[in-house]
């Protein structure tokens, strides 16, 4: 029987498909900010690259699960931070510790426990010794806040080595900009190291702003023109519980056209400015055509549920 670690990794990458070595993680928006700006978050998962530290990368050793890297805002002044796969998703180090259901209090406790053990170098305690506030919570337990879609494609060790060399050798200082230097821009540049020009901006969908949804749309389109590439799509469901559910990820114009609060002003502007009106119509159509919630296979598994099945199997074998 495969170990829990291997089972979890295969679930993420799609065990029925060829193994993917680099994956774009398209993450749904959540919370108040996600309601105002429902573009979500983008991150990169690398199955053969691991974290030598929070700020440096290396090749994985046997049995390691890979790393998630992404651009963050207001976390110790760094541009990107590397987090192992399992903690990034669930804020734990062992698959058997992944809860099947959580409350907001559970999530806060899991995150702070992991922070105290692994992240204090960049996220120290508050002055009174309590849990600090801030955006560091994006580093761990992402699957408690939102559903994540993994778009995976094969890579070579040479490509992995080139990425490791590039990120380890350059300055890791934040220059975050929501419009031109955001998390989706980081994903675009990272994936372009593997497949040049695979990811591109869209003037009609997003007014030229790079968004997570556009990154995923570009990668799927690239795959259609390179059918020899091994490719997979998988959902990582938001963990069940009382944490508010994440919402559908959208592009810039799609966010506007599908928002009731902007309906009347947008109609007025669209009538006066046909180009803008055409962009809104295009965004509506494209947003409906490229819907990650419809693209995921119907038999896609819930990772926490699959872990529980595996644990039950192990308990049965142990009792025999």
C-alpha atoms as a PDB file:
ATOM      1  CA  UNK A   1       0.000   0.000   0.000  1.00  0.00           C
ATOM      2  CA  UNK A   2       1.326   3.471  -0.879  1.00  0.00           C
ATOM      3  CA  UNK A   3       2.208   5.736   2.013  1.00  0.00           C
ATOM      4  CA  UNK A   4      -0.143   8.562   2.932  1.00  0.00           C
ATOM      5  CA  UNK A   5       2.392  11.055   1.634  1.00  0.00           C
ATOM      6  CA  UNK A   6       2.534   9.463  -1.811  1.00  0.00           C
ATOM      7  CA  UNK A   7      -1.252   9.094  -1.953  1.00  0.00           C
ATOM      8  CA  UNK A   8      -1.714  12.778  -1.172  1.00  0.00           C
ATOM      9  CA  UNK A   9       0.801  13.836  -3.801  1.00  0.00           C
ATOM     10  CA  UNK A  10      -0.805  11.650  -6.448  1.00  0.00           C
ATOM     11  CA  UNK A  11      -4.188  13.113  -5.637  1.00  0.00           C
ATOM     12  CA  UNK A  12      -2.883  16.626  -6.124  1.00  0.00           C
ATOM     13  CA  UNK A  13      -1.267  15.873  -9.459  1.00  0.00           C
ATOM     14  CA  UNK A  14      -3.887  13.492 -10.774  1.00  0.00           C
ATOM     15  CA  UNK A  15      -2.818   9.877 -10.358  1.00  0.00           C
ATOM     16  CA  UNK A  16      -4.790   8.753 -13.381  1.00  0.00           C
ATOM     17  CA  UNK A  17      -2.930  11.206 -15.612  1.00  0.00           C
ATOM     18  CA  UNK A  18       0.773  11.498 -16.224  1.00  0.00           C
ATOM     19  CA  UNK A  19       2.599  13.098 -13.350  1.00  0.00           C
ATOM     20  CA  UNK A  20       2.871  16.874 -13.549  1.00  0.00           C
ATOM     21  CA  UNK A  21       6.049  18.521 -12.294  1.00  0.00           C
ATOM     22  CA  UNK A  22       5.003  22.182 -12.303  1.00  0.00           C
ATOM     23  CA  UNK A  23       1.469  23.319 -11.572  1.00  0.00           C
ATOM     24  CA  UNK A  24      -0.329  26.639 -11.518  1.00  0.00           C
ATOM     25  CA  UNK A  25      -2.526  26.864  -8.422  1.00  0.00           C
ATOM     26  CA  UNK A  26      -5.592  28.976  -9.149  1.00  0.00           C
ATOM     27  CA  UNK A  27      -7.116  29.879  -5.786  1.00  0.00           C
ATOM     28  CA  UNK A  28     -10.617  31.217  -5.252  1.00  0.00           C
ATOM     29  CA  UNK A  29     -11.187  34.554  -3.465  1.00  0.00           C
ATOM     30  CA  UNK A  30     -12.546  34.713   0.059  1.00  0.00           C
ATOM     31  CA  UNK A  31     -13.394  37.229   2.758  1.00  0.00           C
ATOM     32  CA  UNK A  32     -14.143  40.934   2.481  1.00  0.00           C
ATOM     33  CA  UNK A  33     -11.247  41.716   0.132  1.00  0.00           C
ATOM     34  CA  UNK A  34     -12.192  38.778  -2.071  1.00  0.00           C
ATOM     35  CA  UNK A  35     -15.715  40.166  -2.280  1.00  0.00           C
ATOM     36  CA  UNK A  36     -14.441  43.519  -3.532  1.00  0.00           C
ATOM     37  CA  UNK A  37     -11.684  42.089  -5.761  1.00  0.00           C
ATOM     38  CA  UNK A  38     -12.697  38.526  -6.722  1.00  0.00           C
ATOM     39  CA  UNK A  39      -9.598  37.755  -8.794  1.00  0.00           C
ATOM     40  CA  UNK A  40      -8.271  35.230  -6.255  1.00  0.00           C
ATOM     41  CA  UNK A  41      -4.651  34.206  -5.835  1.00  0.00           C
ATOM     42  CA  UNK A  42      -2.046  32.424  -7.964  1.00  0.00           C
ATOM     43  CA  UNK A  43       0.801  30.225  -6.761  1.00  0.00           C
ATOM     44  CA  UNK A  44       3.204  27.711  -8.291  1.00  0.00           C
ATOM     45  CA  UNK A  45       3.632  24.120  -7.107  1.00  0.00           C
ATOM     46  CA  UNK A  46       6.826  22.254  -8.032  1.00  0.00           C
ATOM     47  CA  UNK A  47       6.922  18.511  -7.389  1.00  0.00           C
ATOM     48  CA  UNK A  48      10.711  18.069  -7.762  1.00  0.00           C
ATOM     49  CA  UNK A  49      11.794  21.321  -6.106  1.00  0.00           C
ATOM     50  CA  UNK A  50      11.856  21.701  -2.323  1.00  0.00           C
ATOM     51  CA  UNK A  51      12.503  24.421   0.239  1.00  0.00           C
ATOM     52  CA  UNK A  52      16.084  24.547   1.493  1.00  0.00           C
ATOM     53  CA  UNK A  53      14.731  27.341   3.669  1.00  0.00           C
ATOM     54  CA  UNK A  54      11.820  29.755   3.466  1.00  0.00           C
ATOM     55  CA  UNK A  55      13.894  31.843   1.073  1.00  0.00           C
ATOM     56  CA  UNK A  56      15.901  29.324  -0.948  1.00  0.00           C
ATOM     57  CA  UNK A  57      15.214  26.297  -3.131  1.00  0.00           C
ATOM     58  CA  UNK A  58      16.916  22.969  -3.879  1.00  0.00           C
ATOM     59  CA  UNK A  59      16.142  19.694  -5.590  1.00  0.00           C
ATOM     60  CA  UNK A  60      13.881  17.393  -3.596  1.00  0.00           C
ATOM     61  CA  UNK A  61      15.204  14.247  -1.981  1.00  0.00           C
ATOM     62  CA  UNK A  62      13.459  10.886  -2.092  1.00  0.00           C
ATOM     63  CA  UNK A  63      10.017  10.989  -0.479  1.00  0.00           C
ATOM     64  CA  UNK A  64       9.701  14.781  -0.291  1.00  0.00           C
ATOM     65  CA  UNK A  65       6.494  16.362  -1.567  1.00  0.00           C
ATOM     66  CA  UNK A  66       7.660  19.503  -3.322  1.00  0.00           C
ATOM     67  CA  UNK A  67       7.118  23.173  -2.626  1.00  0.00           C
ATOM     68  CA  UNK A  68       4.674  26.009  -3.249  1.00  0.00           C
ATOM     69  CA  UNK A  69       6.096  29.429  -4.124  1.00  0.00           C
ATOM     70  CA  UNK A  70       4.229  32.652  -4.657  1.00  0.00           C
ATOM     71  CA  UNK A  71       4.541  36.426  -4.494  1.00  0.00           C
ATOM     72  CA  UNK A  72       3.171  37.916  -1.291  1.00  0.00           C
ATOM     73  CA  UNK A  73       2.463  41.405  -0.011  1.00  0.00           C
ATOM     74  CA  UNK A  74       3.635  42.695   3.373  1.00  0.00           C
ATOM     75  CA  UNK A  75       5.330  39.562   4.684  1.00  0.00           C
ATOM     76  CA  UNK A  76       8.711  40.563   6.140  1.00  0.00           C
ATOM     77  CA  UNK A  77       9.559  42.532   2.998  1.00  0.00           C
ATOM     78  CA  UNK A  78      10.179  39.456   0.835  1.00  0.00           C
ATOM     79  CA  UNK A  79       8.990  39.023  -2.736  1.00  0.00           C
ATOM     80  CA  UNK A  80       8.454  35.258  -2.621  1.00  0.00           C
ATOM     81  CA  UNK A  81       8.449  32.614   0.099  1.00  0.00           C
ATOM     82  CA  UNK A  82       8.747  28.828  -0.239  1.00  0.00           C
ATOM     83  CA  UNK A  83       6.410  26.588   1.762  1.00  0.00           C
ATOM     84  CA  UNK A  84       6.283  22.767   1.585  1.00  0.00           C
ATOM     85  CA  UNK A  85       3.137  21.420  -0.048  1.00  0.00           C
ATOM     86  CA  UNK A  86       1.296  19.927   2.912  1.00  0.00           C
ATOM     87  CA  UNK A  87       1.750  22.900   5.284  1.00  0.00           C
ATOM     88  CA  UNK A  88       0.790  25.273   2.502  1.00  0.00           C
ATOM     89  CA  UNK A  89      -2.519  23.474   2.088  1.00  0.00           C
ATOM     90  CA  UNK A  90      -3.289  22.411   5.670  1.00  0.00           C
ATOM     91  CA  UNK A  91      -0.764  23.962   8.123  1.00  0.00           C
ATOM     92  CA  UNK A  92       0.425  20.527   9.295  1.00  0.00           C
ATOM     93  CA  UNK A  93       3.467  18.378   8.563  1.00  0.00           C
ATOM     94  CA  UNK A  94       1.834  14.940   8.463  1.00  0.00           C
ATOM     95  CA  UNK A  95      -1.137  13.811   6.327  1.00  0.00           C
ATOM     96  CA  UNK A  96      -2.776  12.072   9.268  1.00  0.00           C
ATOM     97  CA  UNK A  97      -3.029  15.458  11.023  1.00  0.00           C
ATOM     98  CA  UNK A  98      -5.175  17.015   8.283  1.00  0.00           C
ATOM     99  CA  UNK A  99      -8.632  17.637   9.792  1.00  0.00           C
ATOM    100  CA  UNK A 100     -11.760  16.633   7.897  1.00  0.00           C
ATOM    101  CA  UNK A 101     -13.700  19.633   9.205  1.00  0.00           C
ATOM    102  CA  UNK A 102     -12.621  22.936  10.781  1.00  0.00           C
ATOM    103  CA  UNK A 103     -13.924  26.044  12.494  1.00  0.00           C
ATOM    104  CA  UNK A 104     -12.274  29.481  12.267  1.00  0.00           C
ATOM    105  CA  UNK A 105     -10.819  28.837  15.728  1.00  0.00           C
ATOM    106  CA  UNK A 106      -9.335  25.520  14.568  1.00  0.00           C
ATOM    107  CA  UNK A 107      -7.725  27.193  11.560  1.00  0.00           C
ATOM    108  CA  UNK A 108      -6.226  29.954  13.691  1.00  0.00           C
ATOM    109  CA  UNK A 109      -4.783  27.402  16.118  1.00  0.00           C
ATOM    110  CA  UNK A 110      -3.300  25.224  13.370  1.00  0.00           C
ATOM    111  CA  UNK A 111      -1.711  28.193  11.650  1.00  0.00           C
ATOM    112  CA  UNK A 112      -0.233  29.642  14.817  1.00  0.00           C
ATOM    113  CA  UNK A 113       1.149  26.272  15.878  1.00  0.00           C
ATOM    114  CA  UNK A 114       2.905  25.901  12.531  1.00  0.00           C
ATOM    115  CA  UNK A 115       4.101  29.510  12.650  1.00  0.00           C
ATOM    116  CA  UNK A 116       5.671  29.100  16.074  1.00  0.00           C
ATOM    117  CA  UNK A 117       7.481  25.947  14.968  1.00  0.00           C
ATOM    118  CA  UNK A 118       8.558  27.001  11.462  1.00  0.00           C
ATOM    119  CA  UNK A 119       7.945  30.651  10.573  1.00  0.00           C
ATOM    120  CA  UNK A 120       9.118  32.766  13.507  1.00  0.00           C
ATOM    121  CA  UNK A 121      12.190  33.894  11.559  1.00  0.00           C
ATOM    122  CA  UNK A 122       9.916  35.947   9.297  1.00  0.00           C
ATOM    123  CA  UNK A 123       6.716  36.099  11.389  1.00  0.00           C
ATOM    124  CA  UNK A 124       7.709  36.686  15.040  1.00  0.00           C
ATOM    125  CA  UNK A 125       5.302  36.893  17.953  1.00  0.00           C
ATOM    126  CA  UNK A 126       3.533  40.138  18.705  1.00  0.00           C
ATOM    127  CA  UNK A 127       5.107  42.269  21.440  1.00  0.00           C
ATOM    128  CA  UNK A 128       2.970  40.596  24.096  1.00  0.00           C
ATOM    129  CA  UNK A 129       3.870  37.117  22.845  1.00  0.00           C
ATOM    130  CA  UNK A 130       0.534  36.550  21.137  1.00  0.00           C
ATOM    131  CA  UNK A 131      -0.206  35.601  17.531  1.00  0.00           C
ATOM    132  CA  UNK A 132       0.675  38.497  15.200  1.00  0.00           C
ATOM    133  CA  UNK A 133      -1.830  39.923  12.769  1.00  0.00           C
ATOM    134  CA  UNK A 134      -1.072  40.312   9.097  1.00  0.00           C
ATOM    135  CA  UNK A 135      -0.983  38.628   5.706  1.00  0.00           C
ATOM    136  CA  UNK A 136       1.303  35.803   6.874  1.00  0.00           C
ATOM    137  CA  UNK A 137      -1.783  33.590   7.211  1.00  0.00           C
ATOM    138  CA  UNK A 138      -1.688  33.205   3.414  1.00  0.00           C
ATOM    139  CA  UNK A 139       1.461  31.100   3.794  1.00  0.00           C
ATOM    140  CA  UNK A 140      -0.174  28.099   5.454  1.00  0.00           C
ATOM    141  CA  UNK A 141      -3.573  26.426   5.496  1.00  0.00           C
ATOM    142  CA  UNK A 142      -4.744  27.813   2.164  1.00  0.00           C
ATOM    143  CA  UNK A 143      -7.241  24.971   1.658  1.00  0.00           C
ATOM    144  CA  UNK A 144      -9.114  26.038   4.788  1.00  0.00           C
ATOM    145  CA  UNK A 145      -9.990  29.385   3.189  1.00  0.00           C
ATOM    146  CA  UNK A 146     -10.668  28.427  -0.406  1.00  0.00           C
ATOM    147  CA  UNK A 147     -10.978  25.881  -3.147  1.00  0.00           C
ATOM    148  CA  UNK A 148      -7.840  25.556  -5.280  1.00  0.00           C
ATOM    149  CA  UNK A 149      -7.520  24.381  -8.893  1.00  0.00           C
ATOM    150  CA  UNK A 150      -4.221  22.791  -9.956  1.00  0.00           C
ATOM    151  CA  UNK A 151      -3.262  23.049 -13.643  1.00  0.00           C
ATOM    152  CA  UNK A 152      -0.241  20.766 -13.989  1.00  0.00           C
ATOM    153  CA  UNK A 153       2.231  20.286 -16.822  1.00  0.00           C
ATOM    154  CA  UNK A 154       5.367  18.189 -17.185  1.00  0.00           C
ATOM    155  CA  UNK A 155       8.834  19.648 -16.743  1.00  0.00           C
ATOM    156  CA  UNK A 156      12.454  18.514 -16.907  1.00  0.00           C
ATOM    157  CA  UNK A 157      15.121  18.528 -14.217  1.00  0.00           C
ATOM    158  CA  UNK A 158      17.073  21.003 -16.322  1.00  0.00           C
ATOM    159  CA  UNK A 159      14.129  23.407 -16.226  1.00  0.00           C
ATOM    160  CA  UNK A 160      13.817  22.929 -12.462  1.00  0.00           C
ATOM    161  CA  UNK A 161      17.525  23.622 -11.993  1.00  0.00           C
ATOM    162  CA  UNK A 162      17.246  26.810 -14.064  1.00  0.00           C
ATOM    163  CA  UNK A 163      14.409  28.047 -11.840  1.00  0.00           C
ATOM    164  CA  UNK A 164      16.316  27.180  -8.664  1.00  0.00           C
ATOM    165  CA  UNK A 165      19.378  29.056  -9.903  1.00  0.00           C
ATOM    166  CA  UNK A 166      17.363  32.102 -10.946  1.00  0.00           C
ATOM    167  CA  UNK A 167      15.374  32.502  -7.725  1.00  0.00           C
ATOM    168  CA  UNK A 168      18.272  31.675  -5.401  1.00  0.00           C
ATOM    169  CA  UNK A 169      20.630  34.133  -7.090  1.00  0.00           C
ATOM    170  CA  UNK A 170      18.446  37.214  -7.407  1.00  0.00           C
ATOM    171  CA  UNK A 171      17.392  39.714  -4.753  1.00  0.00           C
ATOM    172  CA  UNK A 172      14.290  38.613  -2.867  1.00  0.00           C
ATOM    173  CA  UNK A 173      12.807  41.985  -1.950  1.00  0.00           C
ATOM    174  CA  UNK A 174       9.184  42.883  -2.455  1.00  0.00           C
ATOM    175  CA  UNK A 175       8.069  45.353  -5.083  1.00  0.00           C
ATOM    176  CA  UNK A 176       4.459  44.207  -4.947  1.00  0.00           C
ATOM    177  CA  UNK A 177       2.037  46.124  -7.121  1.00  0.00           C
ATOM    178  CA  UNK A 178      -1.564  45.026  -7.509  1.00  0.00           C
ATOM    179  CA  UNK A 179      -1.690  45.995 -11.173  1.00  0.00           C
ATOM    180  CA  UNK A 180       1.693  45.099 -12.664  1.00  0.00           C
ATOM    181  CA  UNK A 181       3.713  43.118 -10.098  1.00  0.00           C
ATOM    182  CA  UNK A 182       1.217  40.829  -8.403  1.00  0.00           C
ATOM    183  CA  UNK A 183       0.967  37.112  -7.630  1.00  0.00           C
ATOM    184  CA  UNK A 184      -0.244  36.297 -11.148  1.00  0.00           C
ATOM    185  CA  UNK A 185       2.723  38.157 -12.651  1.00  0.00           C
ATOM    186  CA  UNK A 186       5.019  35.983 -10.542  1.00  0.00           C
ATOM    187  CA  UNK A 187       3.246  32.860 -11.810  1.00  0.00           C
ATOM    188  CA  UNK A 188       3.499  34.131 -15.400  1.00  0.00           C
ATOM    189  CA  UNK A 189       7.234  34.744 -15.209  1.00  0.00           C
ATOM    190  CA  UNK A 190       7.865  31.448 -13.438  1.00  0.00           C
ATOM    191  CA  UNK A 191       5.928  29.392 -15.972  1.00  0.00           C
ATOM    192  CA  UNK A 192       7.547  31.295 -18.829  1.00  0.00           C
ATOM    193  CA  UNK A 193      10.904  29.933 -17.642  1.00  0.00           C
ATOM    194  CA  UNK A 194       9.517  26.463 -18.363  1.00  0.00           C
ATOM    195  CA  UNK A 195       7.432  27.315 -21.430  1.00  0.00           C
ATOM    196  CA  UNK A 196       8.232  30.745 -22.925  1.00  0.00           C
ATOM    197  CA  UNK A 197       5.197  32.854 -23.857  1.00  0.00           C
ATOM    198  CA  UNK A 198       2.783  30.259 -22.452  1.00  0.00           C
ATOM    199  CA  UNK A 199       1.181  32.867 -20.182  1.00  0.00           C
ATOM    200  CA  UNK A 200       0.106  36.271 -21.413  1.00  0.00           C
ATOM    201  CA  UNK A 201      -2.006  39.242 -20.371  1.00  0.00           C
ATOM    202  CA  UNK A 202      -5.419  40.082 -21.825  1.00  0.00           C
ATOM    203  CA  UNK A 203      -6.495  43.590 -22.749  1.00  0.00           C
ATOM    204  CA  UNK A 204     -10.076  42.540 -23.421  1.00  0.00           C
ATOM    205  CA  UNK A 205     -10.561  40.511 -20.255  1.00  0.00           C
ATOM    206  CA  UNK A 206      -8.464  42.417 -17.743  1.00  0.00           C
ATOM    207  CA  UNK A 207      -7.360  45.757 -19.240  1.00  0.00           C
ATOM    208  CA  UNK A 208      -3.833  44.382 -19.368  1.00  0.00           C
ATOM    209  CA  UNK A 209      -3.674  43.499 -15.669  1.00  0.00           C
ATOM    210  CA  UNK A 210      -2.342  39.979 -15.096  1.00  0.00           C
ATOM    211  CA  UNK A 211      -4.889  37.909 -13.155  1.00  0.00           C
ATOM    212  CA  UNK A 212      -4.835  34.343 -11.795  1.00  0.00           C
ATOM    213  CA  UNK A 213      -7.754  33.326 -14.015  1.00  0.00           C
ATOM    214  CA  UNK A 214      -6.030  34.681 -17.120  1.00  0.00           C
ATOM    215  CA  UNK A 215      -2.881  32.739 -16.191  1.00  0.00           C
ATOM    216  CA  UNK A 216      -4.902  29.522 -16.020  1.00  0.00           C
ATOM    217  CA  UNK A 217      -6.764  30.314 -19.236  1.00  0.00           C
ATOM    218  CA  UNK A 218      -3.450  30.934 -21.009  1.00  0.00           C
ATOM    219  CA  UNK A 219      -1.950  27.665 -19.781  1.00  0.00           C
ATOM    220  CA  UNK A 220      -4.979  25.657 -20.929  1.00  0.00           C
ATOM    221  CA  UNK A 221      -4.839  27.387 -24.320  1.00  0.00           C
ATOM    222  CA  UNK A 222      -1.103  26.671 -24.584  1.00  0.00           C
ATOM    223  CA  UNK A 223      -1.784  23.002 -23.917  1.00  0.00           C
ATOM    224  CA  UNK A 224      -4.333  22.903 -26.758  1.00  0.00           C
ATOM    225  CA  UNK A 225      -1.581  23.945 -29.154  1.00  0.00           C
ATOM    226  CA  UNK A 226       0.984  21.532 -27.663  1.00  0.00           C
ATOM    227  CA  UNK A 227      -0.928  18.292 -27.358  1.00  0.00           C
ATOM    228  CA  UNK A 228       2.250  16.300 -26.747  1.00  0.00           C
ATOM    229  CA  UNK A 229       2.619  17.854 -23.298  1.00  0.00           C
ATOM    230  CA  UNK A 230       1.396  15.819 -20.352  1.00  0.00           C
ATOM    231  CA  UNK A 231      -1.277  17.915 -18.654  1.00  0.00           C
ATOM    232  CA  UNK A 232      -3.729  17.521 -15.780  1.00  0.00           C
ATOM    233  CA  UNK A 233      -6.370  19.535 -13.921  1.00  0.00           C
ATOM    234  CA  UNK A 234      -7.441  18.770 -10.370  1.00  0.00           C
ATOM    235  CA  UNK A 235      -9.479  20.437  -7.651  1.00  0.00           C
ATOM    236  CA  UNK A 236      -8.310  20.733  -4.046  1.00  0.00           C
ATOM    237  CA  UNK A 237     -11.616  21.364  -2.247  1.00  0.00           C
ATOM    238  CA  UNK A 238     -11.963  23.831   0.574  1.00  0.00           C
ATOM    239  CA  UNK A 239     -12.017  21.849   3.809  1.00  0.00           C
ATOM    240  CA  UNK A 240     -15.504  21.393   5.200  1.00  0.00           C
ATOM    241  CA  UNK A 241     -16.600  23.220   8.337  1.00  0.00           C
ATOM    242  CA  UNK A 242     -17.878  26.576   9.554  1.00  0.00           C
ATOM    243  CA  UNK A 243     -15.267  28.683   7.765  1.00  0.00           C
ATOM    244  CA  UNK A 244     -17.067  30.875   5.164  1.00  0.00           C
ATOM    245  CA  UNK A 245     -16.950  29.393   1.668  1.00  0.00           C
ATOM    246  CA  UNK A 246     -14.780  30.873  -1.065  1.00  0.00           C
ATOM    247  CA  UNK A 247     -16.379  32.302  -4.192  1.00  0.00           C
ATOM    248  CA  UNK A 248     -15.842  31.933  -7.935  1.00  0.00           C
ATOM    249  CA  UNK A 249     -12.644  33.414  -9.315  1.00  0.00           C
ATOM    250  CA  UNK A 250     -13.089  36.154 -11.918  1.00  0.00           C
ATOM    251  CA  UNK A 251     -11.158  38.485 -14.198  1.00  0.00           C
ATOM    252  CA  UNK A 252     -11.116  42.286 -14.003  1.00  0.00           C
ATOM    253  CA  UNK A 253     -13.942  43.119 -16.426  1.00  0.00           C
ATOM    254  CA  UNK A 254     -15.829  39.963 -15.477  1.00  0.00           C
ATOM    255  CA  UNK A 255     -15.838  41.165 -11.860  1.00  0.00           C
ATOM    256  CA  UNK A 256     -17.389  44.424 -12.940  1.00  0.00           C
ATOM    257  CA  UNK A 257     -19.972  43.066 -15.331  1.00  0.00           C
ATOM    258  CA  UNK A 258     -21.210  40.424 -12.865  1.00  0.00           C
ATOM    259  CA  UNK A 259     -21.439  42.818  -9.914  1.00  0.00           C
ATOM    260  CA  UNK A 260     -24.931  44.153  -9.204  1.00  0.00           C
ATOM    261  CA  UNK A 261     -23.558  47.269  -7.534  1.00  0.00           C
ATOM    262  CA  UNK A 262     -21.938  48.432 -10.773  1.00  0.00           C
ATOM    263  CA  UNK A 263     -24.740  47.414 -13.152  1.00  0.00           C
ATOM    264  CA  UNK A 264     -26.332  50.811 -13.829  1.00  0.00           C
ATOM    265  CA  UNK A 265     -23.085  52.837 -14.110  1.00  0.00           C
ATOM    266  CA  UNK A 266     -21.592  50.203 -16.409  1.00  0.00           C
ATOM    267  CA  UNK A 267     -24.594  50.229 -18.738  1.00  0.00           C
ATOM    268  CA  UNK A 268     -24.333  54.009 -18.991  1.00  0.00           C
ATOM    269  CA  UNK A 269     -20.592  53.943 -19.705  1.00  0.00           C
ATOM    270  CA  UNK A 270     -20.971  51.067 -22.179  1.00  0.00           C
ATOM    271  CA  UNK A 271     -23.517  53.039 -24.195  1.00  0.00           C
ATOM    272  CA  UNK A 272     -21.277  56.101 -24.319  1.00  0.00           C
ATOM    273  CA  UNK A 273     -18.092  54.147 -25.008  1.00  0.00           C
ATOM    274  CA  UNK A 274     -18.685  51.239 -27.432  1.00  0.00           C
ATOM    275  CA  UNK A 275     -15.110  49.898 -27.030  1.00  0.00           C
ATOM    276  CA  UNK A 276     -15.584  49.577 -23.294  1.00  0.00           C
ATOM    277  CA  UNK A 277     -19.007  48.018 -23.828  1.00  0.00           C
ATOM    278  CA  UNK A 278     -17.511  45.489 -26.236  1.00  0.00           C
ATOM    279  CA  UNK A 279     -14.830  44.576 -23.683  1.00  0.00           C
ATOM    280  CA  UNK A 280     -17.488  43.974 -21.050  1.00  0.00           C
ATOM    281  CA  UNK A 281     -19.476  41.752 -23.414  1.00  0.00           C
ATOM    282  CA  UNK A 282     -16.322  39.806 -24.295  1.00  0.00           C
ATOM    283  CA  UNK A 283     -15.435  39.411 -20.612  1.00  0.00           C
ATOM    284  CA  UNK A 284     -18.933  38.093 -19.861  1.00  0.00           C
ATOM    285  CA  UNK A 285     -18.699  35.481 -22.604  1.00  0.00           C
ATOM    286  CA  UNK A 286     -15.110  34.445 -21.848  1.00  0.00           C
ATOM    287  CA  UNK A 287     -15.797  34.328 -18.125  1.00  0.00           C
ATOM    288  CA  UNK A 288     -18.632  31.900 -18.697  1.00  0.00           C
ATOM    289  CA  UNK A 289     -16.657  29.789 -21.186  1.00  0.00           C
ATOM    290  CA  UNK A 290     -13.625  29.428 -18.922  1.00  0.00           C
ATOM    291  CA  UNK A 291     -15.067  28.381 -15.572  1.00  0.00           C
ATOM    292  CA  UNK A 292     -12.752  26.260 -13.392  1.00  0.00           C
ATOM    293  CA  UNK A 293     -15.740  24.982 -11.449  1.00  0.00           C
ATOM    294  CA  UNK A 294     -17.010  23.325 -14.622  1.00  0.00           C
ATOM    295  CA  UNK A 295     -13.646  22.093 -15.872  1.00  0.00           C
ATOM    296  CA  UNK A 296     -12.766  19.792 -12.991  1.00  0.00           C
ATOM    297  CA  UNK A 297     -13.605  16.108 -13.569  1.00  0.00           C
ATOM    298  CA  UNK A 298     -16.816  14.999 -11.869  1.00  0.00           C
ATOM    299  CA  UNK A 299     -14.991  12.199 -10.043  1.00  0.00           C
ATOM    300  CA  UNK A 300     -12.314  14.500  -8.591  1.00  0.00           C
ATOM    301  CA  UNK A 301     -11.589  13.469  -4.998  1.00  0.00           C
ATOM    302  CA  UNK A 302     -11.548  15.479  -1.823  1.00  0.00           C
ATOM    303  CA  UNK A 303      -8.020  15.192  -0.439  1.00  0.00           C
ATOM    304  CA  UNK A 304      -9.051  15.207   3.260  1.00  0.00           C
ATOM    305  CA  UNK A 305     -11.656  12.531   2.557  1.00  0.00           C
ATOM    306  CA  UNK A 306      -9.102  10.435   0.697  1.00  0.00           C
ATOM    307  CA  UNK A 307      -6.724  10.730   3.632  1.00  0.00           C
ATOM    308  CA  UNK A 308      -9.435   9.458   5.938  1.00  0.00           C
ATOM    309  CA  UNK A 309     -10.071   6.476   3.658  1.00  0.00           C
ATOM    310  CA  UNK A 310      -6.352   5.695   3.693  1.00  0.00           C
ATOM    311  CA  UNK A 311      -6.217   5.988   7.470  1.00  0.00           C
ATOM    312  CA  UNK A 312      -9.171   3.644   7.838  1.00  0.00           C
ATOM    313  CA  UNK A 313      -7.375   1.130   5.618  1.00  0.00           C
ATOM    314  CA  UNK A 314      -4.257   1.395   7.744  1.00  0.00           C
ATOM    315  CA  UNK A 315      -6.238   0.892  10.940  1.00  0.00           C
ATOM    316  CA  UNK A 316      -7.849  -2.235   9.447  1.00  0.00           C
ATOM    317  CA  UNK A 317      -4.472  -3.676   8.472  1.00  0.00           C
ATOM    318  CA  UNK A 318      -3.041  -2.890  11.906  1.00  0.00           C
ATOM    319  CA  UNK A 319      -5.896  -4.715  13.594  1.00  0.00           C
ATOM    320  CA  UNK A 320      -5.347  -7.858  11.528  1.00  0.00           C
END
